[in-house]
Amino acid sequence: MQAHTASGAPRDFTPGAGLPGDRGARLAAREAFVSLKRSFLDALESVPAAEWLRVQVRAAEEPVDLWLLRAPVFAALSRMDADSRTHRQRLHRSLDTIFLDLETGSAFMQL
């Protein structure tokens, strides 16, 4: 037997099908990820001997991949001149756009 919906129209079980807003949300998330990836690559552009990190950033497929690379990238930037401070700040802002709820709290946070 086949189940029918109230309107009599067949149900759509196509994977990935959804509301138009779902597609918009996926596109916005992808654009944010690409922007974050560009921020990482821009920050690493002036770092000598950072080719391994650049390869890892290019190979990242998800925002969490970049999150895991943040410590080595910031370590590489800390060895640079004052210009790297600007790169670090931009990178922090870019990370904050995707990972909003991961801000460090103060000692006075509510439990």
Protein backbone atom coordinates (compact mmCIF):
# COMPACT_ATOMS: atom_id res chain seq x y z
CA MET A 1 0.00 0.00 0.00
CA GLN A 2 1.11 3.52 -0.71
CA ALA A 3 0.66 6.32 1.81
CA HIS A 4 -0.99 9.46 0.50
CA THR A 5 -0.73 12.95 1.88
CA ALA A 6 -3.83 14.95 2.69
CA SER A 7 -3.65 16.82 -0.64
CA GLY A 8 -3.24 13.61 -2.61
CA ALA A 9 0.11 14.76 -4.04
CA PRO A 10 3.03 12.35 -3.84
CA ARG A 11 5.66 13.04 -1.20
CA ASP A 12 9.14 14.05 -2.33
CA PHE A 13 11.97 12.05 -0.75
CA THR A 14 14.72 13.50 -2.95
CA PRO A 15 17.92 13.88 -0.92
CA GLY A 16 18.97 17.47 -0.54
CA ALA A 17 15.59 18.81 -1.53
CA GLY A 18 14.32 21.47 0.78
CA LEU A 19 12.88 24.89 1.07
CA PRO A 20 14.40 27.78 -0.86
CA GLY A 21 15.64 29.21 2.46
CA ASP A 22 17.65 26.02 3.04
CA ARG A 23 19.55 26.61 -0.17
CA GLY A 24 20.17 30.22 0.79
CA ALA A 25 21.49 29.16 4.18
CA ARG A 26 23.84 26.62 2.57
CA LEU A 27 25.12 29.27 0.15
CA ALA A 28 25.67 31.77 2.97
CA ALA A 29 27.56 29.16 5.00
CA ARG A 30 29.71 28.30 2.00
CA GLU A 31 30.49 31.97 1.33
CA ALA A 32 31.48 32.45 4.98
CA PHE A 33 33.76 29.40 4.78
CA VAL A 34 35.42 30.65 1.58
CA SER A 35 35.92 34.07 3.16
CA LEU A 36 37.53 32.46 6.22
CA LYS A 37 39.78 30.39 4.00
CA ARG A 38 40.88 33.53 2.14
CA SER A 39 41.63 35.21 5.47
CA PHE A 40 43.90 32.32 6.43
CA LEU A 41 45.68 32.43 3.09
CA ASP A 42 46.07 36.22 3.22
CA ALA A 43 47.54 35.98 6.72
CA LEU A 44 50.02 33.33 5.61
CA GLU A 45 51.01 35.11 2.42
CA SER A 46 53.87 37.05 4.00
CA VAL A 47 55.07 34.24 6.28
CA PRO A 48 58.27 32.63 5.01
CA ALA A 49 58.49 28.85 5.18
CA ALA A 50 54.74 28.43 5.71
CA GLU A 51 54.09 26.38 2.59
CA TRP A 52 52.91 23.36 4.60
CA LEU A 53 50.31 25.52 6.36
CA ARG A 54 49.16 27.03 3.07
CA VAL A 55 48.68 23.53 1.62
CA GLN A 56 46.67 22.51 4.69
CA VAL A 57 44.46 25.59 4.43
CA ARG A 58 43.83 24.98 0.73
CA ALA A 59 42.91 21.37 1.48
CA ALA A 60 40.39 22.34 4.19
CA GLU A 61 36.86 21.28 3.33
CA GLU A 62 34.97 22.36 6.44
CA PRO A 63 35.24 25.31 8.85
CA VAL A 64 36.37 22.94 11.60
CA ASP A 65 39.44 22.07 9.50
CA LEU A 66 40.46 25.72 9.64
CA TRP A 67 39.62 25.89 13.34
CA LEU A 68 42.12 23.11 13.96
CA LEU A 69 44.80 24.99 11.99
CA ARG A 70 44.36 28.25 13.89
CA ALA A 71 47.03 27.56 16.55
CA PRO A 72 49.87 26.80 14.10
CA VAL A 73 48.86 29.78 11.97
CA PHE A 74 48.85 32.15 14.94
CA ALA A 75 52.19 30.69 16.07
CA ALA A 76 53.69 31.35 12.64
CA LEU A 77 52.31 34.90 12.67
CA SER A 78 53.68 35.60 16.15
CA ARG A 79 57.22 35.21 14.83
CA MET A 80 56.68 38.00 12.33
CA ASP A 81 56.98 41.79 12.54
CA ALA A 82 54.34 44.34 13.55
CA ASP A 83 52.50 43.84 10.26
CA SER A 84 51.57 40.35 11.41
CA ARG A 85 49.56 41.90 14.26
CA THR A 86 47.14 43.24 11.65
CA HIS A 87 46.92 39.78 10.06
CA ARG A 88 46.25 38.19 13.47
CA GLN A 89 43.48 40.69 14.21
CA ARG A 90 41.83 40.11 10.83
CA LEU A 91 42.07 36.37 11.32
CA HIS A 92 40.48 36.63 14.77
CA ARG A 93 37.60 38.66 13.31
CA SER A 94 37.14 36.14 10.50
CA LEU A 95 37.05 33.24 12.95
CA ASP A 96 34.49 35.11 15.05
CA THR A 97 32.13 35.31 12.06
CA ILE A 98 31.80 31.53 11.92
CA PHE A 99 32.54 30.42 15.48
CA LEU A 100 30.44 32.96 17.39
CA ASP A 101 29.78 30.93 20.52
CA LEU A 102 33.43 30.09 21.18
CA GLU A 103 34.41 33.45 22.65
CA THR A 104 36.46 33.29 25.80
CA GLY A 105 34.55 34.31 28.86
CA SER A 106 35.65 36.17 31.90
CA ALA A 107 36.05 34.79 35.39
CA PHE A 108 32.66 36.29 36.20
CA MET A 109 30.56 34.10 33.91
CA GLN A 110 27.36 32.63 35.26
CA LEU A 111 27.37 28.90 35.71
